[in-house]
């Protein structure tokens, strides 16, 4: 899905929501940020395979979509933290039932494999 779909007002609500969380890392970052503010280095350590460039790009997209707040502290060395906005927390809350469904699906798959 393209970034333009996230701005399109002529789509159904589910499509609009998926456009905002589309991508490999956004749901993981939402999940991590639910627990409170994180510094970029901490996020990189918790997401093996995520590059600094992609993290920055993804967080910028999430910030532009109103999901993430970026706080820069005027200290040396420079300190930046990311946290969910209330709008981002709303999305995380809305995704919780979907996550529950996903866990049930994984349990069913595991049970099916044990029977086979």
PDB file of N, CA and C in Angstrom:
ATOM      1  N   UNK A   1       0.849  -1.164   0.000  1.00  0.00           N
ATOM      2  CA  UNK A   1       0.000   0.000   0.000  1.00  0.00           C
ATOM      3  C   UNK A   1       0.899   1.232   0.000  1.00  0.00           C
ATOM      4  N   UNK A   2       0.530   2.223  -0.746  1.00  0.00           N
ATOM      5  CA  UNK A   2       1.359   3.408  -0.834  1.00  0.00           C
ATOM      6  C   UNK A   2       1.025   4.395   0.269  1.00  0.00           C
ATOM      7  N   UNK A   3       1.949   5.301   0.545  1.00  0.00           N
ATOM      8  CA  UNK A   3       1.731   6.329   1.568  1.00  0.00           C
ATOM      9  C   UNK A   3       0.548   7.204   1.206  1.00  0.00           C
ATOM     10  N   UNK A   4       0.274   7.389  -0.083  1.00  0.00           N
ATOM     11  CA  UNK A   4      -0.843   8.241  -0.481  1.00  0.00           C
ATOM     12  C   UNK A   4      -2.177   7.670  -0.015  1.00  0.00           C
ATOM     13  N   UNK A   5      -2.270   6.339   0.142  1.00  0.00           N
ATOM     14  CA  UNK A   5      -3.511   5.732   0.619  1.00  0.00           C
ATOM     15  C   UNK A   5      -3.820   6.180   2.047  1.00  0.00           C
ATOM     16  N   UNK A   6      -2.786   6.492   2.821  1.00  0.00           N
ATOM     17  CA  UNK A   6      -2.995   6.944   4.195  1.00  0.00           C
ATOM     18  C   UNK A   6      -3.632   8.334   4.229  1.00  0.00           C
ATOM     19  N   UNK A   7      -3.578   9.057   3.125  1.00  0.00           N
ATOM     20  CA  UNK A   7      -4.138  10.405   3.055  1.00  0.00           C
ATOM     21  C   UNK A   7      -5.448  10.457   2.270  1.00  0.00           C
ATOM     22  N   UNK A   8      -5.821   9.351   1.639  1.00  0.00           N
ATOM     23  CA  UNK A   8      -7.003   9.304   0.785  1.00  0.00           C
ATOM     24  C   UNK A   8      -8.260   9.269   1.645  1.00  0.00           C
ATOM     25  N   UNK A   9      -9.153  10.239   1.461  1.00  0.00           N
ATOM     26  CA  UNK A   9     -10.387  10.286   2.254  1.00  0.00           C
ATOM     27  C   UNK A   9     -11.522   9.488   1.616  1.00  0.00           C
ATOM     28  N   UNK A  10     -11.287   8.917   0.444  1.00  0.00           N
ATOM     29  CA  UNK A  10     -12.327   8.168  -0.265  1.00  0.00           C
ATOM     30  C   UNK A  10     -12.105   6.662  -0.178  1.00  0.00           C
ATOM     31  N   UNK A  11     -11.716   6.176   0.991  1.00  0.00           N
ATOM     32  CA  UNK A  11     -11.540   4.742   1.201  1.00  0.00           C
ATOM     33  C   UNK A  11     -12.311   4.340   2.457  1.00  0.00           C
ATOM     34  N   UNK A  12     -12.524   3.051   2.616  1.00  0.00           N
ATOM     35  CA  UNK A  12     -13.229   2.594   3.820  1.00  0.00           C
ATOM     36  C   UNK A  12     -12.309   2.762   5.041  1.00  0.00           C
ATOM     37  N   UNK A  13     -12.907   2.740   6.202  1.00  0.00           N
ATOM     38  CA  UNK A  13     -12.157   2.961   7.431  1.00  0.00           C
ATOM     39  C   UNK A  13     -11.061   1.942   7.676  1.00  0.00           C
ATOM     40  N   UNK A  14     -11.324   0.684   7.345  1.00  0.00           N
ATOM     41  CA  UNK A  14     -10.316  -0.357   7.552  1.00  0.00           C
ATOM     42  C   UNK A  14      -9.108  -0.098   6.655  1.00  0.00           C
ATOM     43  N   UNK A  15      -9.360   0.271   5.410  1.00  0.00           N
ATOM     44  CA  UNK A  15      -8.265   0.579   4.491  1.00  0.00           C
ATOM     45  C   UNK A  15      -7.456   1.762   5.001  1.00  0.00           C
ATOM     46  N   UNK A  16      -8.148   2.781   5.516  1.00  0.00           N
ATOM     47  CA  UNK A  16      -7.463   3.958   6.055  1.00  0.00           C
ATOM     48  C   UNK A  16      -6.589   3.577   7.251  1.00  0.00           C
ATOM     49  N   UNK A  17      -7.085   2.693   8.103  1.00  0.00           N
ATOM     50  CA  UNK A  17      -6.308   2.266   9.269  1.00  0.00           C
ATOM     51  C   UNK A  17      -5.108   1.424   8.851  1.00  0.00           C
ATOM     52  N   UNK A  18      -5.326   0.502   7.934  1.00  0.00           N
ATOM     53  CA  UNK A  18      -4.232  -0.362   7.489  1.00  0.00           C
ATOM     54  C   UNK A  18      -3.151   0.452   6.773  1.00  0.00           C
ATOM     55  N   UNK A  19      -3.554   1.473   6.051  1.00  0.00           N
ATOM     56  CA  UNK A  19      -2.576   2.316   5.365  1.00  0.00           C
ATOM     57  C   UNK A  19      -1.623   2.965   6.364  1.00  0.00           C
ATOM     58  N   UNK A  20      -2.109   3.267   7.553  1.00  0.00           N
ATOM     59  CA  UNK A  20      -1.287   3.920   8.568  1.00  0.00           C
ATOM     60  C   UNK A  20      -0.334   2.930   9.237  1.00  0.00           C
ATOM     61  N   UNK A  21      -0.724   1.665   9.357  1.00  0.00           N
ATOM     62  CA  UNK A  21       0.143   0.682  10.017  1.00  0.00           C
ATOM     63  C   UNK A  21       0.853  -0.235   9.035  1.00  0.00           C
ATOM     64  N   UNK A  22       0.672   0.022   7.743  1.00  0.00           N
ATOM     65  CA  UNK A  22       1.297  -0.804   6.723  1.00  0.00           C
ATOM     66  C   UNK A  22       2.815  -0.694   6.816  1.00  0.00           C
ATOM     67  N   UNK A  23       3.470  -1.791   6.656  1.00  0.00           N
ATOM     68  CA  UNK A  23       4.927  -1.818   6.702  1.00  0.00           C
ATOM     69  C   UNK A  23       5.394  -2.856   7.700  1.00  0.00           C
ATOM     70  N   UNK A  24       6.640  -3.187   7.592  1.00  0.00           N
ATOM     71  CA  UNK A  24       7.193  -4.273   8.393  1.00  0.00           C
ATOM     72  C   UNK A  24       7.341  -3.928   9.874  1.00  0.00           C
ATOM     73  N   UNK A  25       7.586  -2.660  10.198  1.00  0.00           N
ATOM     74  CA  UNK A  25       8.000  -2.311  11.545  1.00  0.00           C
ATOM     75  C   UNK A  25       6.978  -1.519  12.358  1.00  0.00           C
ATOM     76  N   UNK A  26       5.961  -0.970  11.734  1.00  0.00           N
ATOM     77  CA  UNK A  26       5.072  -0.055  12.455  1.00  0.00           C
ATOM     78  C   UNK A  26       4.318  -0.717  13.589  1.00  0.00           C
ATOM     79  N   UNK A  27       3.816  -1.913  13.391  1.00  0.00           N
ATOM     80  CA  UNK A  27       3.072  -2.552  14.478  1.00  0.00           C
ATOM     81  C   UNK A  27       3.999  -2.890  15.650  1.00  0.00           C
ATOM     82  N   UNK A  28       5.217  -3.324  15.363  1.00  0.00           N
ATOM     83  CA  UNK A  28       6.177  -3.592  16.431  1.00  0.00           C
ATOM     84  C   UNK A  28       6.486  -2.313  17.198  1.00  0.00           C
ATOM     85  N   UNK A  29       6.710  -1.218  16.480  1.00  0.00           N
ATOM     86  CA  UNK A  29       7.013   0.053  17.142  1.00  0.00           C
ATOM     87  C   UNK A  29       5.828   0.537  17.971  1.00  0.00           C
ATOM     88  N   UNK A  30       4.621   0.384  17.445  1.00  0.00           N
ATOM     89  CA  UNK A  30       3.431   0.734  18.233  1.00  0.00           C
ATOM     90  C   UNK A  30       3.394  -0.075  19.522  1.00  0.00           C
ATOM     91  N   UNK A  31       3.641  -1.362  19.409  1.00  0.00           N
ATOM     92  CA  UNK A  31       3.621  -2.245  20.565  1.00  0.00           C
ATOM     93  C   UNK A  31       4.680  -1.833  21.594  1.00  0.00           C
ATOM     94  N   UNK A  32       5.884  -1.542  21.132  1.00  0.00           N
ATOM     95  CA  UNK A  32       6.948  -1.121  22.050  1.00  0.00           C
ATOM     96  C   UNK A  32       6.610   0.208  22.714  1.00  0.00           C
ATOM     97  N   UNK A  33       6.120   1.162  21.928  1.00  0.00           N
ATOM     98  CA  UNK A  33       5.853   2.495  22.455  1.00  0.00           C
ATOM     99  C   UNK A  33       4.652   2.536  23.397  1.00  0.00           C
ATOM    100  N   UNK A  34       3.833   1.491  23.389  1.00  0.00           N
ATOM    101  CA  UNK A  34       2.710   1.427  24.337  1.00  0.00           C
ATOM    102  C   UNK A  34       3.202   1.431  25.777  1.00  0.00           C
ATOM    103  N   UNK A  35       4.402   0.905  26.007  1.00  0.00           N
ATOM    104  CA  UNK A  35       4.912   0.798  27.369  1.00  0.00           C
ATOM    105  C   UNK A  35       5.556   2.090  27.862  1.00  0.00           C
ATOM    106  N   UNK A  36       5.654   3.098  27.016  1.00  0.00           N
ATOM    107  CA  UNK A  36       6.235   4.375  27.428  1.00  0.00           C
ATOM    108  C   UNK A  36       7.243   4.880  26.418  1.00  0.00           C
ATOM    109  N   UNK A  37       7.879   6.009  26.729  1.00  0.00           N
ATOM    110  CA  UNK A  37       8.841   6.611  25.797  1.00  0.00           C
ATOM    111  C   UNK A  37      10.087   5.741  25.607  1.00  0.00           C
ATOM    112  N   UNK A  38      10.608   5.775  24.394  1.00  0.00           N
ATOM    113  CA  UNK A  38      11.819   5.032  24.059  1.00  0.00           C
ATOM    114  C   UNK A  38      12.771   5.939  23.286  1.00  0.00           C
ATOM    115  N   UNK A  39      14.052   5.716  23.508  1.00  0.00           N
ATOM    116  CA  UNK A  39      15.079   6.379  22.707  1.00  0.00           C
ATOM    117  C   UNK A  39      15.329   5.534  21.464  1.00  0.00           C
ATOM    118  N   UNK A  40      15.772   6.159  20.374  1.00  0.00           N
ATOM    119  CA  UNK A  40      15.982   5.405  19.123  1.00  0.00           C
ATOM    120  C   UNK A  40      16.906   4.202  19.276  1.00  0.00           C
ATOM    121  N   UNK A  41      17.985   4.349  20.017  1.00  0.00           N
ATOM    122  CA  UNK A  41      18.912   3.231  20.208  1.00  0.00           C
ATOM    123  C   UNK A  41      18.260   2.052  20.900  1.00  0.00           C
ATOM    124  N   UNK A  42      17.372   2.350  21.853  1.00  0.00           N
ATOM    125  CA  UNK A  42      16.653   1.276  22.548  1.00  0.00           C
ATOM    126  C   UNK A  42      15.714   0.551  21.587  1.00  0.00           C
ATOM    127  N   UNK A  43      15.051   1.314  20.742  1.00  0.00           N
ATOM    128  CA  UNK A  43      14.155   0.702  19.752  1.00  0.00           C
ATOM    129  C   UNK A  43      14.937  -0.190  18.798  1.00  0.00           C
ATOM    130  N   UNK A  44      16.105   0.264  18.370  1.00  0.00           N
ATOM    131  CA  UNK A  44      16.940  -0.542  17.465  1.00  0.00           C
ATOM    132  C   UNK A  44      17.355  -1.852  18.128  1.00  0.00           C
ATOM    133  N   UNK A  45      17.700  -1.802  19.410  1.00  0.00           N
ATOM    134  CA  UNK A  45      18.097  -3.024  20.115  1.00  0.00           C
ATOM    135  C   UNK A  45      16.941  -4.004  20.263  1.00  0.00           C
ATOM    136  N   UNK A  46      15.735  -3.506  20.390  1.00  0.00           N
ATOM    137  CA  UNK A  46      14.559  -4.366  20.567  1.00  0.00           C
ATOM    138  C   UNK A  46      14.011  -4.898  19.245  1.00  0.00           C
ATOM    139  N   UNK A  47      14.525  -4.391  18.131  1.00  0.00           N
ATOM    140  CA  UNK A  47      14.026  -4.795  16.813  1.00  0.00           C
ATOM    141  C   UNK A  47      15.186  -5.236  15.926  1.00  0.00           C
ATOM    142  N   UNK A  48      15.725  -6.428  16.168  1.00  0.00           N
ATOM    143  CA  UNK A  48      16.835  -6.906  15.337  1.00  0.00           C
ATOM    144  C   UNK A  48      16.439  -6.918  13.864  1.00  0.00           C
ATOM    145  N   UNK A  49      17.333  -6.432  13.041  1.00  0.00           N
ATOM    146  CA  UNK A  49      17.069  -6.371  11.607  1.00  0.00           C
ATOM    147  C   UNK A  49      16.591  -5.012  11.150  1.00  0.00           C
ATOM    148  N   UNK A  50      16.177  -4.179  12.074  1.00  0.00           N
ATOM    149  CA  UNK A  50      15.731  -2.828  11.742  1.00  0.00           C
ATOM    150  C   UNK A  50      16.944  -1.919  11.670  1.00  0.00           C
ATOM    151  N   UNK A  51      17.121  -1.247  10.541  1.00  0.00           N
ATOM    152  CA  UNK A  51      18.264  -0.344  10.388  1.00  0.00           C
ATOM    153  C   UNK A  51      17.910   1.039  10.935  1.00  0.00           C
ATOM    154  N   UNK A  52      18.923   1.799  11.237  1.00  0.00           N
ATOM    155  CA  UNK A  52      18.716   3.157  11.746  1.00  0.00           C
ATOM    156  C   UNK A  52      17.965   4.011  10.723  1.00  0.00           C
ATOM    157  N   UNK A  53      18.305   3.853   9.456  1.00  0.00           N
ATOM    158  CA  UNK A  53      17.643   4.615   8.396  1.00  0.00           C
ATOM    159  C   UNK A  53      16.148   4.298   8.332  1.00  0.00           C
ATOM    160  N   UNK A  54      15.818   3.017   8.348  1.00  0.00           N
ATOM    161  CA  UNK A  54      14.416   2.611   8.267  1.00  0.00           C
ATOM    162  C   UNK A  54      13.670   3.016   9.538  1.00  0.00           C
ATOM    163  N   UNK A  55      14.325   2.918  10.698  1.00  0.00           N
ATOM    164  CA  UNK A  55      13.698   3.366  11.946  1.00  0.00           C
ATOM    165  C   UNK A  55      13.344   4.843  11.854  1.00  0.00           C
ATOM    166  N   UNK A  56      14.288   5.650  11.423  1.00  0.00           N
ATOM    167  CA  UNK A  56      14.046   7.092  11.300  1.00  0.00           C
ATOM    168  C   UNK A  56      12.906   7.370  10.335  1.00  0.00           C
ATOM    169  N   UNK A  57      12.921   6.728   9.187  1.00  0.00           N
ATOM    170  CA  UNK A  57      11.872   6.924   8.182  1.00  0.00           C
ATOM    171  C   UNK A  57      10.507   6.497   8.727  1.00  0.00           C
ATOM    172  N   UNK A  58      10.464   5.351   9.386  1.00  0.00           N
ATOM    173  CA  UNK A  58       9.206   4.838   9.919  1.00  0.00           C
ATOM    174  C   UNK A  58       8.663   5.735  11.019  1.00  0.00           C
ATOM    175  N   UNK A  59       9.531   6.175  11.928  1.00  0.00           N
ATOM    176  CA  UNK A  59       9.084   7.070  12.995  1.00  0.00           C
ATOM    177  C   UNK A  59       8.607   8.413  12.432  1.00  0.00           C
ATOM    178  N   UNK A  60       9.253   8.899  11.398  1.00  0.00           N
ATOM    179  CA  UNK A  60       8.803  10.152  10.765  1.00  0.00           C
ATOM    180  C   UNK A  60       7.421   9.993  10.149  1.00  0.00           C
ATOM    181  N   UNK A  61       7.177   8.854   9.498  1.00  0.00           N
ATOM    182  CA  UNK A  61       5.848   8.590   8.929  1.00  0.00           C
ATOM    183  C   UNK A  61       4.801   8.508  10.031  1.00  0.00           C
ATOM    184  N   UNK A  62       5.150   7.819  11.105  1.00  0.00           N
ATOM    185  CA  UNK A  62       4.212   7.682  12.218  1.00  0.00           C
ATOM    186  C   UNK A  62       3.955   9.038  12.889  1.00  0.00           C
ATOM    187  N   UNK A  63       4.975   9.867  12.944  1.00  0.00           N
ATOM    188  CA  UNK A  63       4.810  11.220  13.490  1.00  0.00           C
ATOM    189  C   UNK A  63       3.906  12.044  12.578  1.00  0.00           C
ATOM    190  N   UNK A  64       4.114  11.940  11.270  1.00  0.00           N
ATOM    191  CA  UNK A  64       3.285  12.675  10.307  1.00  0.00           C
ATOM    192  C   UNK A  64       1.827  12.219  10.366  1.00  0.00           C
ATOM    193  N   UNK A  65       1.601  10.949  10.700  1.00  0.00           N
ATOM    194  CA  UNK A  65       0.246  10.419  10.824  1.00  0.00           C
ATOM    195  C   UNK A  65      -0.375  10.704  12.185  1.00  0.00           C
ATOM    196  N   UNK A  66       0.379  11.367  13.063  1.00  0.00           N
ATOM    197  CA  UNK A  66      -0.147  11.750  14.369  1.00  0.00           C
ATOM    198  C   UNK A  66      -0.115  10.653  15.407  1.00  0.00           C
ATOM    199  N   UNK A  67       0.643   9.588  15.164  1.00  0.00           N
ATOM    200  CA  UNK A  67       0.691   8.456  16.082  1.00  0.00           C
ATOM    201  C   UNK A  67       1.787   8.584  17.134  1.00  0.00           C
ATOM    202  N   UNK A  68       2.864   9.269  16.767  1.00  0.00           N
ATOM    203  CA  UNK A  68       4.062   9.314  17.595  1.00  0.00           C
ATOM    204  C   UNK A  68       4.447  10.761  17.861  1.00  0.00           C
ATOM    205  N   UNK A  69       4.915  10.991  19.086  1.00  0.00           N
ATOM    206  CA  UNK A  69       5.451  12.300  19.462  1.00  0.00           C
ATOM    207  C   UNK A  69       6.961  12.168  19.614  1.00  0.00           C
ATOM    208  N   UNK A  70       7.673  13.114  19.052  1.00  0.00           N
ATOM    209  CA  UNK A  70       9.139  13.140  19.137  1.00  0.00           C
ATOM    210  C   UNK A  70       9.527  14.270  20.075  1.00  0.00           C
ATOM    211  N   UNK A  71      10.251  13.930  21.134  1.00  0.00           N
ATOM    212  CA  UNK A  71      10.702  14.923  22.112  1.00  0.00           C
ATOM    213  C   UNK A  71      12.216  14.993  22.049  1.00  0.00           C
ATOM    214  N   UNK A  72      12.743  16.196  21.763  1.00  0.00           N
ATOM    215  CA  UNK A  72      14.191  16.408  21.710  1.00  0.00           C
ATOM    216  C   UNK A  72      14.575  17.237  22.926  1.00  0.00           C
ATOM    217  N   UNK A  73      15.490  16.720  23.722  1.00  0.00           N
ATOM    218  CA  UNK A  73      15.950  17.404  24.928  1.00  0.00           C
ATOM    219  C   UNK A  73      17.225  18.166  24.613  1.00  0.00           C
ATOM    220  N   UNK A  74      17.314  19.374  25.121  1.00  0.00           N
ATOM    221  CA  UNK A  74      18.457  20.247  24.861  1.00  0.00           C
ATOM    222  C   UNK A  74      19.583  19.938  25.845  1.00  0.00           C
ATOM    223  N   UNK A  75      20.175  18.767  25.670  1.00  0.00           N
ATOM    224  CA  UNK A  75      21.312  18.346  26.485  1.00  0.00           C
ATOM    225  C   UNK A  75      22.379  17.809  25.545  1.00  0.00           C
ATOM    226  N   UNK A  76      23.587  17.696  26.061  1.00  0.00           N
ATOM    227  CA  UNK A  76      24.680  17.115  25.277  1.00  0.00           C
ATOM    228  C   UNK A  76      25.128  15.841  25.940  1.00  0.00           C
ATOM    229  N   UNK A  77      25.202  14.712  25.268  1.00  0.00           N
ATOM    230  CA  UNK A  77      24.805  14.554  23.876  1.00  0.00           C
ATOM    231  C   UNK A  77      23.286  14.682  23.729  1.00  0.00           C
ATOM    232  N   UNK A  78      22.877  15.020  22.524  1.00  0.00           N
ATOM    233  CA  UNK A  78      21.467  15.223  22.217  1.00  0.00           C
ATOM    234  C   UNK A  78      20.658  13.984  22.609  1.00  0.00           C
ATOM    235  N   UNK A  79      19.520  14.222  23.225  1.00  0.00           N
ATOM    236  CA  UNK A  79      18.661  13.119  23.657  1.00  0.00           C
ATOM    237  C   UNK A  79      17.303  13.267  22.989  1.00  0.00           C
ATOM    238  N   UNK A  80      16.865  12.208  22.327  1.00  0.00           N
ATOM    239  CA  UNK A  80      15.561  12.187  21.665  1.00  0.00           C
ATOM    240  C   UNK A  80      14.786  11.000  22.189  1.00  0.00           C
ATOM    241  N   UNK A  81      13.494  11.216  22.456  1.00  0.00           N
ATOM    242  CA  UNK A  81      12.611  10.133  22.875  1.00  0.00           C
ATOM    243  C   UNK A  81      11.351  10.160  22.021  1.00  0.00           C
ATOM    244  N   UNK A  82      10.831   8.985  21.782  1.00  0.00           N
ATOM    245  CA  UNK A  82       9.578   8.839  21.042  1.00  0.00           C
ATOM    246  C   UNK A  82       8.547   8.212  21.963  1.00  0.00           C
ATOM    247  N   UNK A  83       7.318   8.694  21.847  1.00  0.00           N
ATOM    248  CA  UNK A  83       6.212   8.148  22.633  1.00  0.00           C
ATOM    249  C   UNK A  83       4.951   8.188  21.783  1.00  0.00           C
ATOM    250  N   UNK A  84       3.957   7.438  22.209  1.00  0.00           N
ATOM    251  CA  UNK A  84       2.683   7.463  21.505  1.00  0.00           C
ATOM    252  C   UNK A  84       1.918   8.727  21.870  1.00  0.00           C
ATOM    253  N   UNK A  85       1.251   9.279  20.893  1.00  0.00           N
ATOM    254  CA  UNK A  85       0.312  10.363  21.145  1.00  0.00           C
ATOM    255  C   UNK A  85      -0.995   9.728  21.620  1.00  0.00           C
ATOM    256  N   UNK A  86      -1.925  10.503  22.132  1.00  0.00           N
ATOM    257  CA  UNK A  86      -3.229   9.926  22.467  1.00  0.00           C
ATOM    258  C   UNK A  86      -3.886   9.254  21.255  1.00  0.00           C
ATOM    259  N   UNK A  87      -3.709   9.831  20.075  1.00  0.00           N
ATOM    260  CA  UNK A  87      -4.243   9.248  18.848  1.00  0.00           C
ATOM    261  C   UNK A  87      -3.565   7.906  18.552  1.00  0.00           C
ATOM    262  N   UNK A  88      -2.259   7.834  18.781  1.00  0.00           N
ATOM    263  CA  UNK A  88      -1.523   6.583  18.607  1.00  0.00           C
ATOM    264  C   UNK A  88      -1.956   5.535  19.612  1.00  0.00           C
ATOM    265  N   UNK A  89      -2.236   5.963  20.848  1.00  0.00           N
ATOM    266  CA  UNK A  89      -2.726   5.032  21.863  1.00  0.00           C
ATOM    267  C   UNK A  89      -4.108   4.513  21.483  1.00  0.00           C
ATOM    268  N   UNK A  90      -4.940   5.391  20.896  1.00  0.00           N
ATOM    269  CA  UNK A  90      -6.252   4.949  20.401  1.00  0.00           C
ATOM    270  C   UNK A  90      -6.088   3.831  19.378  1.00  0.00           C
ATOM    271  N   UNK A  91      -5.119   3.993  18.470  1.00  0.00           N
ATOM    272  CA  UNK A  91      -4.878   2.960  17.462  1.00  0.00           C
ATOM    273  C   UNK A  91      -4.397   1.673  18.124  1.00  0.00           C
ATOM    274  N   UNK A  92      -3.481   1.783  19.065  1.00  0.00           N
ATOM    275  CA  UNK A  92      -2.987   0.602  19.763  1.00  0.00           C
ATOM    276  C   UNK A  92      -4.135  -0.122  20.473  1.00  0.00           C
ATOM    277  N   UNK A  93      -5.022   0.636  21.099  1.00  0.00           N
ATOM    278  CA  UNK A  93      -6.182   0.035  21.766  1.00  0.00           C
ATOM    279  C   UNK A  93      -7.099  -0.654  20.755  1.00  0.00           C
ATOM    280  N   UNK A  94      -7.269  -0.024  19.602  1.00  0.00           N
ATOM    281  CA  UNK A  94      -8.127  -0.610  18.567  1.00  0.00           C
ATOM    282  C   UNK A  94      -7.524  -1.893  18.005  1.00  0.00           C
ATOM    283  N   UNK A  95      -6.200  -1.976  17.987  1.00  0.00           N
ATOM    284  CA  UNK A  95      -5.528  -3.161  17.451  1.00  0.00           C
ATOM    285  C   UNK A  95      -5.463  -4.312  18.449  1.00  0.00           C
ATOM    286  N   UNK A  96      -5.721  -4.056  19.719  1.00  0.00           N
ATOM    287  CA  UNK A  96      -5.621  -5.098  20.744  1.00  0.00           C
ATOM    288  C   UNK A  96      -6.504  -6.308  20.431  1.00  0.00           C
ATOM    289  N   UNK A  97      -7.779  -6.126  20.049  1.00  0.00           N
ATOM    290  CA  UNK A  97      -8.575  -7.316  19.702  1.00  0.00           C
ATOM    291  C   UNK A  97      -8.017  -8.063  18.487  1.00  0.00           C
ATOM    292  N   UNK A  98      -7.451  -7.354  17.547  1.00  0.00           N
ATOM    293  CA  UNK A  98      -6.841  -8.008  16.392  1.00  0.00           C
ATOM    294  C   UNK A  98      -5.625  -8.821  16.838  1.00  0.00           C
ATOM    295  N   UNK A  99      -4.842  -8.272  17.765  1.00  0.00           N
ATOM    296  CA  UNK A  99      -3.696  -9.011  18.301  1.00  0.00           C
ATOM    297  C   UNK A  99      -4.161 -10.269  19.027  1.00  0.00           C
ATOM    298  N   UNK A 100      -5.242 -10.160  19.787  1.00  0.00           N
ATOM    299  CA  UNK A 100      -5.790 -11.345  20.472  1.00  0.00           C
ATOM    300  C   UNK A 100      -6.188 -12.413  19.456  1.00  0.00           C
ATOM    301  N   UNK A 101      -6.857 -11.993  18.396  1.00  0.00           N
ATOM    302  CA  UNK A 101      -7.250 -12.918  17.339  1.00  0.00           C
ATOM    303  C   UNK A 101      -6.013 -13.581  16.732  1.00  0.00           C
ATOM    304  N   UNK A 102      -4.967 -12.775  16.499  1.00  0.00           N
ATOM    305  CA  UNK A 102      -3.735 -13.315  15.935  1.00  0.00           C
ATOM    306  C   UNK A 102      -3.097 -14.364  16.832  1.00  0.00           C
ATOM    307  N   UNK A 103      -3.112 -14.130  18.139  1.00  0.00           N
ATOM    308  CA  UNK A 103      -2.568 -15.122  19.077  1.00  0.00           C
ATOM    309  C   UNK A 103      -3.388 -16.411  19.054  1.00  0.00           C
ATOM    310  N   UNK A 104      -4.714 -16.281  18.988  1.00  0.00           N
ATOM    311  CA  UNK A 104      -5.564 -17.478  18.898  1.00  0.00           C
ATOM    312  C   UNK A 104      -5.275 -18.251  17.615  1.00  0.00           C
ATOM    313  N   UNK A 105      -5.058 -17.520  16.530  1.00  0.00           N
ATOM    314  CA  UNK A 105      -4.735 -18.168  15.258  1.00  0.00           C
ATOM    315  C   UNK A 105      -3.419 -18.936  15.366  1.00  0.00           C
ATOM    316  N   UNK A 106      -2.424 -18.334  15.988  1.00  0.00           N
ATOM    317  CA  UNK A 106      -1.133 -19.002  16.152  1.00  0.00           C
ATOM    318  C   UNK A 106      -1.269 -20.247  17.014  1.00  0.00           C
ATOM    319  N   UNK A 107      -2.103 -20.178  18.056  1.00  0.00           N
ATOM    320  CA  UNK A 107      -2.346 -21.353  18.894  1.00  0.00           C
ATOM    321  C   UNK A 107      -3.002 -22.470  18.093  1.00  0.00           C
ATOM    322  N   UNK A 108      -3.952 -22.109  17.231  1.00  0.00           N
ATOM    323  CA  UNK A 108      -4.614 -23.121  16.387  1.00  0.00           C
ATOM    324  C   UNK A 108      -3.618 -23.758  15.432  1.00  0.00           C
ATOM    325  N   UNK A 109      -2.744 -22.937  14.845  1.00  0.00           N
ATOM    326  CA  UNK A 109      -1.728 -23.474  13.936  1.00  0.00           C
ATOM    327  C   UNK A 109      -0.798 -24.432  14.669  1.00  0.00           C
ATOM    328  N   UNK A 110      -0.396 -24.053  15.872  1.00  0.00           N
ATOM    329  CA  UNK A 110       0.501 -24.913  16.656  1.00  0.00           C
ATOM    330  C   UNK A 110      -0.202 -26.223  17.011  1.00  0.00           C
ATOM    331  N   UNK A 111      -1.478 -26.148  17.381  1.00  0.00           N
ATOM    332  CA  UNK A 111      -2.231 -27.371  17.721  1.00  0.00           C
ATOM    333  C   UNK A 111      -2.383 -28.264  16.498  1.00  0.00           C
ATOM    334  N   UNK A 112      -2.610 -27.679  15.337  1.00  0.00           N
ATOM    335  CA  UNK A 112      -2.757 -28.438  14.101  1.00  0.00           C
ATOM    336  C   UNK A 112      -1.441 -29.153  13.759  1.00  0.00           C
ATOM    337  N   UNK A 113      -0.336 -28.485  13.982  1.00  0.00           N
ATOM    338  CA  UNK A 113       0.967 -29.096  13.685  1.00  0.00           C
ATOM    339  C   UNK A 113       1.273 -30.248  14.637  1.00  0.00           C
ATOM    340  N   UNK A 114       0.821 -30.157  15.881  1.00  0.00           N
ATOM    341  CA  UNK A 114       1.073 -31.222  16.849  1.00  0.00           C
ATOM    342  C   UNK A 114       0.260 -32.464  16.523  1.00  0.00           C
ATOM    343  N   UNK A 115      -0.924 -32.268  15.968  1.00  0.00           N
ATOM    344  CA  UNK A 115      -1.796 -33.395  15.600  1.00  0.00           C
ATOM    345  C   UNK A 115      -1.239 -34.123  14.382  1.00  0.00           C
ATOM    346  N   UNK A 116      -0.654 -33.380  13.461  1.00  0.00           N
ATOM    347  CA  UNK A 116      -0.169 -33.961  12.201  1.00  0.00           C
ATOM    348  C   UNK A 116       1.029 -34.853  12.382  1.00  0.00           C
TER     349      UNK A 116
END
